[in-house]
Amino acid sequence: MTKYTYIVPHWAKAAFFWLAVTLAVLLVGMQIHKRWLFAELLVENALRPEPSALGKAPDFELAVLPGESKTSLVSAAAGKYTLIHFWATWCPPCRTEMPSLEMMAREFKGRLSVLAVSVDDNKDAVGRFFGDHWPELTVLWDPGKAVARQYGAERFPESFLMDPQGLVLARFGGQREWSSTEALSYLSEVLNGTRKAIRVTG
């Protein structure tokens, strides 16, 4: 019986090789894209940043607690990215959220100004809440909720992220876990300029 030997042309071997390389690159690219989308979804679910129609952040002057001095938004922000956080001691989600807010403020100290604006009618309530351990963030007092109304904050807690130029980039309605990996990653990327505060889709 005659045996036939088949010789595969060099061009066919090269074509097969490059086809395999292309498929491998595509598969790796798809996996990277899926992981990126998953990371984005984690951030979106953790923080749920929302667009704000405020534009320029309304300026204000409020008392700094626990003392009696006053500061303006411009002074308190100090030309940095700023999180303006409206809260109250009588608000259970606000009380739960405060430790994570303080941890986040410590993480970004020097890069992000965190202003915890209390809308309590009685500043003594704020003093009792913190006791002898005031947080490493700026606590302001907005009795009567005048400043909160300027920002359209009605349900607490509610937060607004402002850029160094004073523009409100995003709104966060409700309780957040500010010290979570997703939240810290989001804020770090916004501060570094590698991420928009609101993800553009489409």
N, C-alpha and C. Protein backbone atom coordinates (compact mmCIF):
# COMPACT_ATOMS: atom_id res chain seq x y z
N MET A 1 0.85 -1.19 0.00
CA MET A 1 0.00 0.00 0.00
C MET A 1 0.89 1.25 0.00
N THR A 2 0.53 2.18 -0.85
CA THR A 2 1.30 3.42 -0.94
C THR A 2 0.89 4.38 0.15
N LYS A 3 1.87 4.92 0.89
CA LYS A 3 1.60 5.91 1.93
C LYS A 3 1.84 7.31 1.37
N TYR A 4 0.89 8.17 1.66
CA TYR A 4 1.01 9.54 1.18
C TYR A 4 1.42 10.46 2.32
N THR A 5 2.35 11.33 2.08
CA THR A 5 2.79 12.31 3.08
C THR A 5 2.27 13.69 2.68
N TYR A 6 1.54 14.26 3.63
CA TYR A 6 0.98 15.59 3.35
C TYR A 6 1.90 16.66 3.95
N ILE A 7 2.29 17.58 3.16
CA ILE A 7 3.15 18.68 3.61
C ILE A 7 2.29 19.94 3.71
N VAL A 8 2.22 20.48 4.93
CA VAL A 8 1.44 21.71 5.13
C VAL A 8 2.28 22.90 4.69
N PRO A 9 1.76 23.70 3.82
CA PRO A 9 2.54 24.86 3.33
C PRO A 9 2.88 25.81 4.49
N HIS A 10 3.99 26.52 4.35
CA HIS A 10 4.41 27.47 5.38
C HIS A 10 3.37 28.57 5.60
N TRP A 11 2.75 29.01 4.52
CA TRP A 11 1.77 30.08 4.65
C TRP A 11 0.56 29.62 5.49
N ALA A 12 0.21 28.34 5.38
CA ALA A 12 -0.91 27.82 6.16
C ALA A 12 -0.55 27.75 7.65
N LYS A 13 0.70 27.32 7.92
CA LYS A 13 1.16 27.29 9.32
C LYS A 13 1.15 28.69 9.92
N ALA A 14 1.64 29.66 9.14
CA ALA A 14 1.70 31.04 9.63
C ALA A 14 0.29 31.59 9.86
N ALA A 15 -0.61 31.27 8.94
CA ALA A 15 -1.99 31.75 9.08
C ALA A 15 -2.64 31.16 10.33
N PHE A 16 -2.42 29.86 10.56
CA PHE A 16 -2.99 29.21 11.73
C PHE A 16 -2.42 29.81 13.01
N PHE A 17 -1.08 30.07 13.01
CA PHE A 17 -0.43 30.66 14.19
C PHE A 17 -1.03 32.02 14.53
N TRP A 18 -1.13 32.87 13.50
CA TRP A 18 -1.64 34.22 13.76
C TRP A 18 -3.13 34.23 14.09
N LEU A 19 -3.86 33.27 13.57
CA LEU A 19 -5.27 33.14 13.94
C LEU A 19 -5.41 32.79 15.41
N ALA A 20 -4.54 31.85 15.86
CA ALA A 20 -4.57 31.44 17.27
C ALA A 20 -4.18 32.61 18.18
N VAL A 21 -3.16 33.38 17.77
CA VAL A 21 -2.74 34.55 18.57
C VAL A 21 -3.86 35.57 18.65
N THR A 22 -4.52 35.83 17.51
CA THR A 22 -5.61 36.80 17.47
C THR A 22 -6.75 36.39 18.39
N LEU A 23 -7.12 35.10 18.33
CA LEU A 23 -8.20 34.61 19.19
C LEU A 23 -7.83 34.73 20.66
N ALA A 24 -6.56 34.43 20.99
CA ALA A 24 -6.11 34.53 22.39
C ALA A 24 -6.18 35.97 22.88
N VAL A 25 -5.74 36.90 22.03
CA VAL A 25 -5.78 38.33 22.39
C VAL A 25 -7.22 38.79 22.59
N LEU A 26 -8.12 38.34 21.70
CA LEU A 26 -9.53 38.72 21.82
C LEU A 26 -10.13 38.19 23.12
N LEU A 27 -9.81 36.94 23.45
CA LEU A 27 -10.35 36.34 24.67
C LEU A 27 -9.84 37.08 25.91
N VAL A 28 -8.54 37.40 25.93
CA VAL A 28 -7.98 38.14 27.06
C VAL A 28 -8.62 39.52 27.16
N GLY A 29 -8.79 40.17 26.00
CA GLY A 29 -9.42 41.48 25.97
C GLY A 29 -10.84 41.45 26.50
N MET A 30 -11.59 40.40 26.13
CA MET A 30 -12.97 40.26 26.60
C MET A 30 -13.01 40.07 28.12
N GLN A 31 -12.06 39.28 28.65
CA GLN A 31 -12.02 39.06 30.09
C GLN A 31 -11.68 40.34 30.84
N ILE A 32 -10.72 41.10 30.29
CA ILE A 32 -10.35 42.38 30.92
C ILE A 32 -11.54 43.33 30.90
N HIS A 33 -12.25 43.39 29.77
CA HIS A 33 -13.41 44.27 29.65
C HIS A 33 -14.51 43.87 30.64
N LYS A 34 -14.72 42.55 30.78
CA LYS A 34 -15.74 42.07 31.72
C LYS A 34 -15.38 42.46 33.15
N ARG A 35 -14.10 42.31 33.50
CA ARG A 35 -13.66 42.68 34.85
C ARG A 35 -13.81 44.17 35.08
N TRP A 36 -13.51 44.98 34.07
CA TRP A 36 -13.65 46.43 34.18
C TRP A 36 -15.11 46.80 34.40
N LEU A 37 -16.00 46.17 33.62
CA LEU A 37 -17.42 46.44 33.78
C LEU A 37 -17.91 46.02 35.16
N PHE A 38 -17.40 44.88 35.64
CA PHE A 38 -17.79 44.40 36.96
C PHE A 38 -17.34 45.37 38.05
N ALA A 39 -16.10 45.88 37.91
CA ALA A 39 -15.59 46.86 38.88
C ALA A 39 -16.42 48.14 38.85
N GLU A 40 -16.82 48.56 37.64
CA GLU A 40 -17.66 49.75 37.51
C GLU A 40 -19.01 49.54 38.18
N LEU A 41 -19.58 48.35 38.00
CA LEU A 41 -20.87 48.06 38.61
C LEU A 41 -20.76 48.04 40.13
N LEU A 42 -19.64 47.51 40.66
CA LEU A 42 -19.44 47.51 42.10
C LEU A 42 -19.44 48.93 42.65
N VAL A 43 -18.74 49.83 41.95
CA VAL A 43 -18.69 51.23 42.37
C VAL A 43 -20.07 51.86 42.27
N GLU A 44 -20.74 51.62 41.16
CA GLU A 44 -22.07 52.22 40.97
C GLU A 44 -23.03 51.74 42.05
N ASN A 45 -22.97 50.45 42.39
CA ASN A 45 -23.87 49.92 43.41
C ASN A 45 -23.50 50.40 44.80
N ALA A 46 -22.19 50.62 45.04
CA ALA A 46 -21.75 51.04 46.37
C ALA A 46 -22.06 52.51 46.63
N LEU A 47 -21.84 53.36 45.63
CA LEU A 47 -21.99 54.80 45.85
C LEU A 47 -23.20 55.41 45.13
N ARG A 48 -23.55 54.86 43.98
CA ARG A 48 -24.67 55.37 43.19
C ARG A 48 -24.60 56.89 43.02
N PRO A 49 -23.52 57.42 42.44
CA PRO A 49 -23.44 58.86 42.21
C PRO A 49 -24.52 59.31 41.23
N GLU A 50 -25.14 60.43 41.51
CA GLU A 50 -26.21 60.97 40.68
C GLU A 50 -25.81 62.36 40.17
N PRO A 51 -26.28 62.73 38.99
CA PRO A 51 -25.99 64.08 38.50
C PRO A 51 -26.69 65.13 39.35
N SER A 52 -26.10 66.31 39.40
CA SER A 52 -26.69 67.43 40.14
C SER A 52 -26.89 68.60 39.20
N ALA A 53 -28.02 69.29 39.37
CA ALA A 53 -28.32 70.44 38.52
C ALA A 53 -27.84 71.75 39.15
N LEU A 54 -27.07 71.66 40.24
CA LEU A 54 -26.66 72.87 40.95
C LEU A 54 -25.67 73.72 40.17
N GLY A 55 -24.76 73.09 39.45
CA GLY A 55 -23.70 73.86 38.81
C GLY A 55 -22.72 74.35 39.86
N LYS A 56 -22.62 75.67 39.99
CA LYS A 56 -21.75 76.26 41.00
C LYS A 56 -22.35 76.01 42.38
N ALA A 57 -21.50 75.53 43.31
CA ALA A 57 -21.98 75.24 44.66
C ALA A 57 -22.36 76.54 45.37
N PRO A 58 -23.56 76.62 45.94
CA PRO A 58 -23.95 77.82 46.69
C PRO A 58 -22.98 78.07 47.85
N ASP A 59 -22.50 79.30 47.97
CA ASP A 59 -21.59 79.64 49.06
C ASP A 59 -22.39 79.78 50.35
N PHE A 60 -21.70 79.67 51.47
CA PHE A 60 -22.36 79.82 52.77
C PHE A 60 -21.34 80.17 53.83
N GLU A 61 -21.83 80.60 54.97
CA GLU A 61 -20.99 80.83 56.14
C GLU A 61 -21.69 80.20 57.33
N LEU A 62 -21.01 79.25 57.96
CA LEU A 62 -21.60 78.50 59.06
C LEU A 62 -20.63 78.41 60.23
N ALA A 63 -21.20 78.14 61.41
CA ALA A 63 -20.38 77.95 62.61
C ALA A 63 -19.64 76.63 62.52
N VAL A 64 -18.38 76.65 62.97
CA VAL A 64 -17.57 75.45 63.05
C VAL A 64 -17.68 74.91 64.47
N LEU A 65 -18.11 73.67 64.60
CA LEU A 65 -18.23 73.06 65.93
C LEU A 65 -16.96 72.27 66.25
N PRO A 66 -16.59 72.21 67.55
CA PRO A 66 -17.37 72.58 68.73
C PRO A 66 -17.23 74.04 69.16
N GLY A 67 -16.42 74.85 68.48
CA GLY A 67 -16.25 76.23 68.89
C GLY A 67 -17.34 77.14 68.36
N GLU A 68 -17.08 78.43 68.37
CA GLU A 68 -18.06 79.41 67.94
C GLU A 68 -17.62 80.14 66.66
N SER A 69 -16.44 79.81 66.13
CA SER A 69 -15.96 80.51 64.94
C SER A 69 -16.80 80.13 63.73
N LYS A 70 -16.74 80.99 62.72
CA LYS A 70 -17.48 80.72 61.49
C LYS A 70 -16.52 80.59 60.32
N THR A 71 -16.95 79.86 59.32
CA THR A 71 -16.15 79.71 58.11
C THR A 71 -17.07 79.71 56.91
N SER A 72 -16.52 80.12 55.77
CA SER A 72 -17.28 80.09 54.52
C SER A 72 -16.94 78.81 53.78
N LEU A 73 -17.73 78.51 52.78
CA LEU A 73 -17.45 77.33 51.97
C LEU A 73 -16.08 77.46 51.31
N VAL A 74 -15.77 78.64 50.79
CA VAL A 74 -14.50 78.85 50.11
C VAL A 74 -13.33 78.57 51.05
N SER A 75 -13.43 79.06 52.29
CA SER A 75 -12.34 78.84 53.25
C SER A 75 -12.25 77.38 53.66
N ALA A 76 -13.40 76.77 53.91
CA ALA A 76 -13.41 75.37 54.36
C ALA A 76 -12.94 74.43 53.26
N ALA A 77 -13.27 74.74 52.01
CA ALA A 77 -12.87 73.88 50.90
C ALA A 77 -11.38 74.01 50.62
N ALA A 78 -10.83 75.18 50.82
CA ALA A 78 -9.38 75.42 50.66
C ALA A 78 -8.86 75.02 49.29
N GLY A 79 -9.68 75.23 48.25
CA GLY A 79 -9.23 74.95 46.89
C GLY A 79 -9.06 73.49 46.55
N LYS A 80 -9.71 72.60 47.32
CA LYS A 80 -9.59 71.16 47.09
C LYS A 80 -10.94 70.59 46.63
N TYR A 81 -10.90 69.35 46.19
CA TYR A 81 -12.15 68.62 46.04
C TYR A 81 -12.80 68.58 47.42
N THR A 82 -14.12 68.73 47.45
CA THR A 82 -14.82 68.84 48.73
C THR A 82 -16.09 68.02 48.72
N LEU A 83 -16.31 67.28 49.81
CA LEU A 83 -17.57 66.56 49.99
C LEU A 83 -18.39 67.31 51.04
N ILE A 84 -19.52 67.85 50.62
CA ILE A 84 -20.42 68.56 51.53
C ILE A 84 -21.51 67.58 51.94
N HIS A 85 -21.50 67.23 53.20
CA HIS A 85 -22.32 66.12 53.71
C HIS A 85 -23.34 66.66 54.73
N PHE A 86 -24.62 66.61 54.39
CA PHE A 86 -25.68 67.06 55.29
C PHE A 86 -26.19 65.88 56.11
N TRP A 87 -26.28 66.08 57.43
CA TRP A 87 -26.65 64.98 58.32
C TRP A 87 -27.29 65.55 59.59
N ALA A 88 -27.74 64.67 60.47
CA ALA A 88 -28.32 65.09 61.75
C ALA A 88 -28.18 63.96 62.76
N THR A 89 -28.07 64.31 64.03
CA THR A 89 -27.92 63.30 65.08
C THR A 89 -29.20 62.49 65.26
N TRP A 90 -30.37 63.07 64.90
CA TRP A 90 -31.64 62.35 65.07
C TRP A 90 -31.95 61.42 63.89
N CYS A 91 -31.02 61.36 62.93
CA CYS A 91 -31.20 60.55 61.72
C CYS A 91 -30.41 59.25 61.87
N PRO A 92 -31.08 58.09 62.07
CA PRO A 92 -30.37 56.82 62.27
C PRO A 92 -29.37 56.48 61.16
N PRO A 93 -29.73 56.62 59.86
CA PRO A 93 -28.72 56.31 58.83
C PRO A 93 -27.51 57.23 58.92
N CYS A 94 -27.73 58.49 59.34
CA CYS A 94 -26.61 59.42 59.47
C CYS A 94 -25.65 58.96 60.55
N ARG A 95 -26.21 58.51 61.66
CA ARG A 95 -25.38 58.04 62.78
C ARG A 95 -24.58 56.81 62.37
N THR A 96 -25.22 55.92 61.64
CA THR A 96 -24.55 54.71 61.18
C THR A 96 -23.43 55.03 60.19
N GLU A 97 -23.67 56.02 59.36
CA GLU A 97 -22.74 56.36 58.29
C GLU A 97 -21.50 57.12 58.76
N MET A 98 -21.62 57.86 59.87
CA MET A 98 -20.56 58.78 60.30
C MET A 98 -19.19 58.12 60.47
N PRO A 99 -19.06 56.93 61.09
CA PRO A 99 -17.73 56.33 61.22
C PRO A 99 -17.04 56.09 59.88
N SER A 100 -17.79 55.63 58.88
CA SER A 100 -17.16 55.38 57.57
C SER A 100 -16.79 56.69 56.90
N LEU A 101 -17.57 57.75 57.15
CA LEU A 101 -17.24 59.06 56.60
C LEU A 101 -15.93 59.57 57.19
N GLU A 102 -15.76 59.38 58.50
CA GLU A 102 -14.53 59.82 59.16
C GLU A 102 -13.33 59.01 58.67
N MET A 103 -13.49 57.71 58.50
CA MET A 103 -12.39 56.88 57.99
C MET A 103 -11.97 57.33 56.60
N MET A 104 -12.96 57.65 55.75
CA MET A 104 -12.66 58.12 54.41
C MET A 104 -11.94 59.46 54.45
N ALA A 105 -12.38 60.36 55.36
CA ALA A 105 -11.75 61.68 55.49
C ALA A 105 -10.28 61.54 55.89
N ARG A 106 -9.99 60.58 56.78
CA ARG A 106 -8.60 60.35 57.18
C ARG A 106 -7.77 59.82 56.01
N GLU A 107 -8.40 58.96 55.21
CA GLU A 107 -7.71 58.36 54.06
C GLU A 107 -7.26 59.43 53.06
N PHE A 108 -8.10 60.44 52.86
CA PHE A 108 -7.81 61.46 51.86
C PHE A 108 -7.44 62.81 52.48
N LYS A 109 -6.96 62.77 53.70
CA LYS A 109 -6.57 64.00 54.39
C LYS A 109 -5.53 64.76 53.57
N GLY A 110 -5.77 66.05 53.39
CA GLY A 110 -4.87 66.87 52.59
C GLY A 110 -5.25 66.92 51.12
N ARG A 111 -6.10 66.00 50.66
CA ARG A 111 -6.50 65.96 49.25
C ARG A 111 -7.99 66.24 49.07
N LEU A 112 -8.79 65.89 50.07
CA LEU A 112 -10.24 66.05 49.99
C LEU A 112 -10.74 66.70 51.27
N SER A 113 -11.46 67.79 51.15
CA SER A 113 -12.08 68.42 52.31
C SER A 113 -13.44 67.78 52.54
N VAL A 114 -13.69 67.33 53.75
CA VAL A 114 -14.98 66.73 54.09
C VAL A 114 -15.67 67.64 55.10
N LEU A 115 -16.83 68.17 54.70
CA LEU A 115 -17.59 69.09 55.55
C LEU A 115 -18.87 68.39 55.98
N ALA A 116 -18.95 68.06 57.26
CA ALA A 116 -20.14 67.40 57.81
C ALA A 116 -21.05 68.48 58.37
N VAL A 117 -22.09 68.84 57.61
CA VAL A 117 -22.97 69.94 57.97
C VAL A 117 -24.17 69.40 58.74
N SER A 118 -24.20 69.66 60.04
CA SER A 118 -25.31 69.19 60.87
C SER A 118 -26.50 70.14 60.74
N VAL A 119 -27.69 69.55 60.55
CA VAL A 119 -28.91 70.36 60.47
C VAL A 119 -29.70 70.27 61.78
N ASP A 120 -29.04 69.83 62.85
CA ASP A 120 -29.69 69.79 64.16
C ASP A 120 -30.07 71.20 64.60
N ASP A 121 -31.19 71.32 65.28
CA ASP A 121 -31.60 72.63 65.82
C ASP A 121 -30.77 73.00 67.04
N ASN A 122 -30.29 72.01 67.75
CA ASN A 122 -29.53 72.25 68.98
C ASN A 122 -28.10 71.74 68.80
N LYS A 123 -27.13 72.64 68.86
CA LYS A 123 -25.74 72.23 68.66
C LYS A 123 -25.23 71.35 69.79
N ASP A 124 -25.87 71.42 70.97
CA ASP A 124 -25.46 70.56 72.07
C ASP A 124 -25.68 69.09 71.73
N ALA A 125 -26.68 68.83 70.88
CA ALA A 125 -26.94 67.45 70.46
C ALA A 125 -25.76 66.91 69.67
N VAL A 126 -25.14 67.77 68.87
CA VAL A 126 -23.97 67.38 68.09
C VAL A 126 -22.80 67.10 69.03
N GLY A 127 -22.65 67.97 70.05
CA GLY A 127 -21.59 67.76 71.03
C GLY A 127 -21.74 66.46 71.78
N ARG A 128 -22.98 66.13 72.14
CA ARG A 128 -23.22 64.86 72.85
C ARG A 128 -22.96 63.67 71.95
N PHE A 129 -23.25 63.83 70.67
CA PHE A 129 -23.04 62.73 69.72
C PHE A 129 -21.56 62.36 69.62
N PHE A 130 -20.70 63.37 69.53
CA PHE A 130 -19.27 63.11 69.38
C PHE A 130 -18.55 62.96 70.73
N GLY A 131 -19.10 63.55 71.78
CA GLY A 131 -18.47 63.46 73.09
C GLY A 131 -17.09 64.08 73.09
N ASP A 132 -16.12 63.35 73.62
CA ASP A 132 -14.74 63.85 73.67
C ASP A 132 -13.92 63.46 72.45
N HIS A 133 -14.56 62.83 71.48
CA HIS A 133 -13.82 62.32 70.31
C HIS A 133 -14.40 62.92 69.03
N TRP A 134 -14.04 64.16 68.75
CA TRP A 134 -14.51 64.81 67.54
C TRP A 134 -13.76 64.23 66.34
N PRO A 135 -14.45 64.07 65.21
CA PRO A 135 -13.84 63.43 64.05
C PRO A 135 -12.81 64.33 63.36
N GLU A 136 -11.97 63.71 62.56
CA GLU A 136 -10.95 64.44 61.80
C GLU A 136 -11.53 64.95 60.48
N LEU A 137 -12.61 65.68 60.61
CA LEU A 137 -13.22 66.36 59.48
C LEU A 137 -13.87 67.63 60.02
N THR A 138 -14.31 68.51 59.15
CA THR A 138 -14.88 69.78 59.59
C THR A 138 -16.36 69.62 59.86
N VAL A 139 -16.77 69.87 61.10
CA VAL A 139 -18.18 69.78 61.48
C VAL A 139 -18.76 71.19 61.50
N LEU A 140 -19.79 71.41 60.70
CA LEU A 140 -20.45 72.71 60.61
C LEU A 140 -21.89 72.58 61.10
N TRP A 141 -22.47 73.72 61.46
CA TRP A 141 -23.82 73.71 62.04
C TRP A 141 -24.75 74.59 61.22
N ASP A 142 -25.83 73.99 60.74
CA ASP A 142 -26.80 74.68 59.89
C ASP A 142 -28.19 74.64 60.53
N PRO A 143 -28.40 75.36 61.63
CA PRO A 143 -29.70 75.36 62.29
C PRO A 143 -30.75 75.99 61.38
N GLY A 144 -31.92 75.38 61.31
CA GLY A 144 -32.96 75.89 60.43
C GLY A 144 -32.86 75.36 59.00
N LYS A 145 -31.76 74.64 58.70
CA LYS A 145 -31.58 73.98 57.39
C LYS A 145 -31.56 74.96 56.22
N ALA A 146 -31.15 76.20 56.43
CA ALA A 146 -31.14 77.19 55.36
C ALA A 146 -30.17 76.78 54.24
N VAL A 147 -28.97 76.35 54.63
CA VAL A 147 -27.98 75.95 53.63
C VAL A 147 -28.41 74.65 52.95
N ALA A 148 -28.94 73.73 53.73
CA ALA A 148 -29.42 72.46 53.16
C ALA A 148 -30.46 72.72 52.07
N ARG A 149 -31.35 73.68 52.32
CA ARG A 149 -32.37 74.01 51.32
C ARG A 149 -31.74 74.61 50.07
N GLN A 150 -30.67 75.38 50.24
CA GLN A 150 -29.97 75.93 49.07
C GLN A 150 -29.48 74.82 48.16
N TYR A 151 -29.07 73.72 48.76
CA TYR A 151 -28.55 72.59 48.00
C TYR A 151 -29.65 71.62 47.57
N GLY A 152 -30.86 71.86 48.03
CA GLY A 152 -31.96 70.96 47.70
C GLY A 152 -31.94 69.68 48.51
N ALA A 153 -31.22 69.71 49.65
CA ALA A 153 -31.14 68.53 50.51
C ALA A 153 -32.33 68.53 51.47
N GLU A 154 -33.16 67.53 51.36
CA GLU A 154 -34.35 67.43 52.20
C GLU A 154 -34.41 66.15 53.00
N ARG A 155 -33.82 65.09 52.44
CA ARG A 155 -33.80 63.79 53.13
C ARG A 155 -32.35 63.48 53.48
N PHE A 156 -32.10 63.20 54.72
CA PHE A 156 -30.73 63.05 55.18
C PHE A 156 -30.40 61.58 55.45
N PRO A 157 -29.12 61.20 55.26
CA PRO A 157 -28.00 62.03 54.83
C PRO A 157 -28.03 62.28 53.32
N GLU A 158 -27.38 63.37 52.93
CA GLU A 158 -27.27 63.72 51.52
C GLU A 158 -25.94 64.44 51.33
N SER A 159 -25.21 64.06 50.27
CA SER A 159 -23.86 64.58 50.07
C SER A 159 -23.68 65.10 48.65
N PHE A 160 -22.76 66.07 48.53
CA PHE A 160 -22.47 66.68 47.24
C PHE A 160 -20.95 66.77 47.07
N LEU A 161 -20.46 66.28 45.92
CA LEU A 161 -19.03 66.32 45.63
C LEU A 161 -18.73 67.54 44.76
N MET A 162 -17.83 68.40 45.24
CA MET A 162 -17.50 69.65 44.55
C MET A 162 -16.05 69.62 44.12
N ASP A 163 -15.78 70.14 42.92
CA ASP A 163 -14.39 70.18 42.45
C ASP A 163 -13.68 71.44 42.97
N PRO A 164 -12.36 71.56 42.76
CA PRO A 164 -11.63 72.72 43.29
C PRO A 164 -12.11 74.06 42.74
N GLN A 165 -12.80 74.05 41.59
CA GLN A 165 -13.32 75.29 41.02
C GLN A 165 -14.71 75.65 41.56
N GLY A 166 -15.25 74.82 42.45
CA GLY A 166 -16.54 75.11 43.06
C GLY A 166 -17.74 74.56 42.33
N LEU A 167 -17.53 73.67 41.36
CA LEU A 167 -18.64 73.08 40.63
C LEU A 167 -19.07 71.77 41.29
N VAL A 168 -20.36 71.58 41.43
CA VAL A 168 -20.88 70.34 42.02
C VAL A 168 -20.87 69.26 40.94
N LEU A 169 -20.10 68.19 41.19
CA LEU A 169 -19.92 67.13 40.21
C LEU A 169 -20.96 66.02 40.35
N ALA A 170 -21.34 65.71 41.59
CA ALA A 170 -22.22 64.57 41.81
C ALA A 170 -22.97 64.74 43.13
N ARG A 171 -24.10 64.07 43.19
CA ARG A 171 -24.93 64.06 44.41
C ARG A 171 -25.06 62.62 44.87
N PHE A 172 -25.09 62.42 46.19
CA PHE A 172 -25.26 61.08 46.77
C PHE A 172 -26.40 61.16 47.78
N GLY A 173 -27.56 60.65 47.40
CA GLY A 173 -28.72 60.70 48.28
C GLY A 173 -28.83 59.44 49.11
N GLY A 174 -28.84 59.58 50.42
CA GLY A 174 -28.97 58.42 51.29
C GLY A 174 -27.65 57.94 51.84
N GLN A 175 -27.72 56.90 52.66
CA GLN A 175 -26.54 56.38 53.36
C GLN A 175 -25.58 55.69 52.40
N ARG A 176 -24.27 55.90 52.62
CA ARG A 176 -23.23 55.25 51.83
C ARG A 176 -22.19 54.65 52.76
N GLU A 177 -21.47 53.65 52.27
CA GLU A 177 -20.34 53.07 53.01
C GLU A 177 -19.08 53.72 52.45
N TRP A 178 -18.73 54.89 52.99
CA TRP A 178 -17.66 55.69 52.41
C TRP A 178 -16.28 55.06 52.53
N SER A 179 -16.09 54.16 53.47
CA SER A 179 -14.77 53.55 53.66
C SER A 179 -14.63 52.23 52.91
N SER A 180 -15.62 51.86 52.11
CA SER A 180 -15.53 50.61 51.36
C SER A 180 -14.46 50.72 50.28
N THR A 181 -13.97 49.57 49.82
CA THR A 181 -12.95 49.55 48.76
C THR A 181 -13.45 50.26 47.52
N GLU A 182 -14.73 50.03 47.18
CA GLU A 182 -15.29 50.64 45.98
C GLU A 182 -15.35 52.15 46.10
N ALA A 183 -15.77 52.65 47.27
CA ALA A 183 -15.87 54.10 47.47
C ALA A 183 -14.50 54.76 47.45
N LEU A 184 -13.53 54.14 48.12
CA LEU A 184 -12.18 54.70 48.15
C LEU A 184 -11.56 54.70 46.75
N SER A 185 -11.81 53.65 45.98
CA SER A 185 -11.29 53.58 44.61
C SER A 185 -11.92 54.68 43.75
N TYR A 186 -13.22 54.83 43.87
CA TYR A 186 -13.94 55.87 43.11
C TYR A 186 -13.38 57.26 43.41
N LEU A 187 -13.27 57.59 44.70
CA LEU A 187 -12.80 58.92 45.08
C LEU A 187 -11.35 59.14 44.68
N SER A 188 -10.53 58.11 44.84
CA SER A 188 -9.12 58.22 44.46
C SER A 188 -8.98 58.52 42.97
N GLU A 189 -9.76 57.85 42.15
CA GLU A 189 -9.69 58.07 40.71
C GLU A 189 -10.22 59.44 40.33
N VAL A 190 -11.27 59.90 41.01
CA VAL A 190 -11.78 61.25 40.73
C VAL A 190 -10.73 62.29 41.10
N LEU A 191 -10.11 62.13 42.27
CA LEU A 191 -9.10 63.08 42.72
C LEU A 191 -7.87 63.07 41.81
N ASN A 192 -7.54 61.91 41.26
CA ASN A 192 -6.38 61.79 40.37
C ASN A 192 -6.68 62.25 38.95
N GLY A 193 -7.96 62.49 38.66
CA GLY A 193 -8.35 62.92 37.33
C GLY A 193 -8.46 61.81 36.33
N THR A 194 -8.50 60.56 36.79
CA THR A 194 -8.59 59.42 35.88
C THR A 194 -10.01 58.90 35.74
N ARG A 195 -10.96 59.56 36.40
CA ARG A 195 -12.34 59.12 36.35
C ARG A 195 -13.27 60.32 36.46
N LYS A 196 -14.36 60.28 35.70
CA LYS A 196 -15.40 61.28 35.85
C LYS A 196 -16.25 60.94 37.07
N ALA A 197 -16.74 61.96 37.76
CA ALA A 197 -17.57 61.72 38.94
C ALA A 197 -18.86 61.00 38.57
N ILE A 198 -19.38 61.31 37.40
CA ILE A 198 -20.57 60.62 36.87
C ILE A 198 -20.14 59.86 35.63
N ARG A 199 -20.35 58.55 35.63
CA ARG A 199 -19.94 57.73 34.48
C ARG A 199 -20.85 58.01 33.29
N VAL A 200 -20.24 58.34 32.16
CA VAL A 200 -20.98 58.62 30.94
C VAL A 200 -21.22 57.31 30.21
N THR A 201 -22.47 57.03 29.90
CA THR A 201 -22.81 55.79 29.20
C THR A 201 -23.28 56.13 27.78
N GLY A 202 -23.21 55.12 26.94
CA GLY A 202 -23.70 55.30 25.59
C GLY A 202 -22.66 55.87 24.64
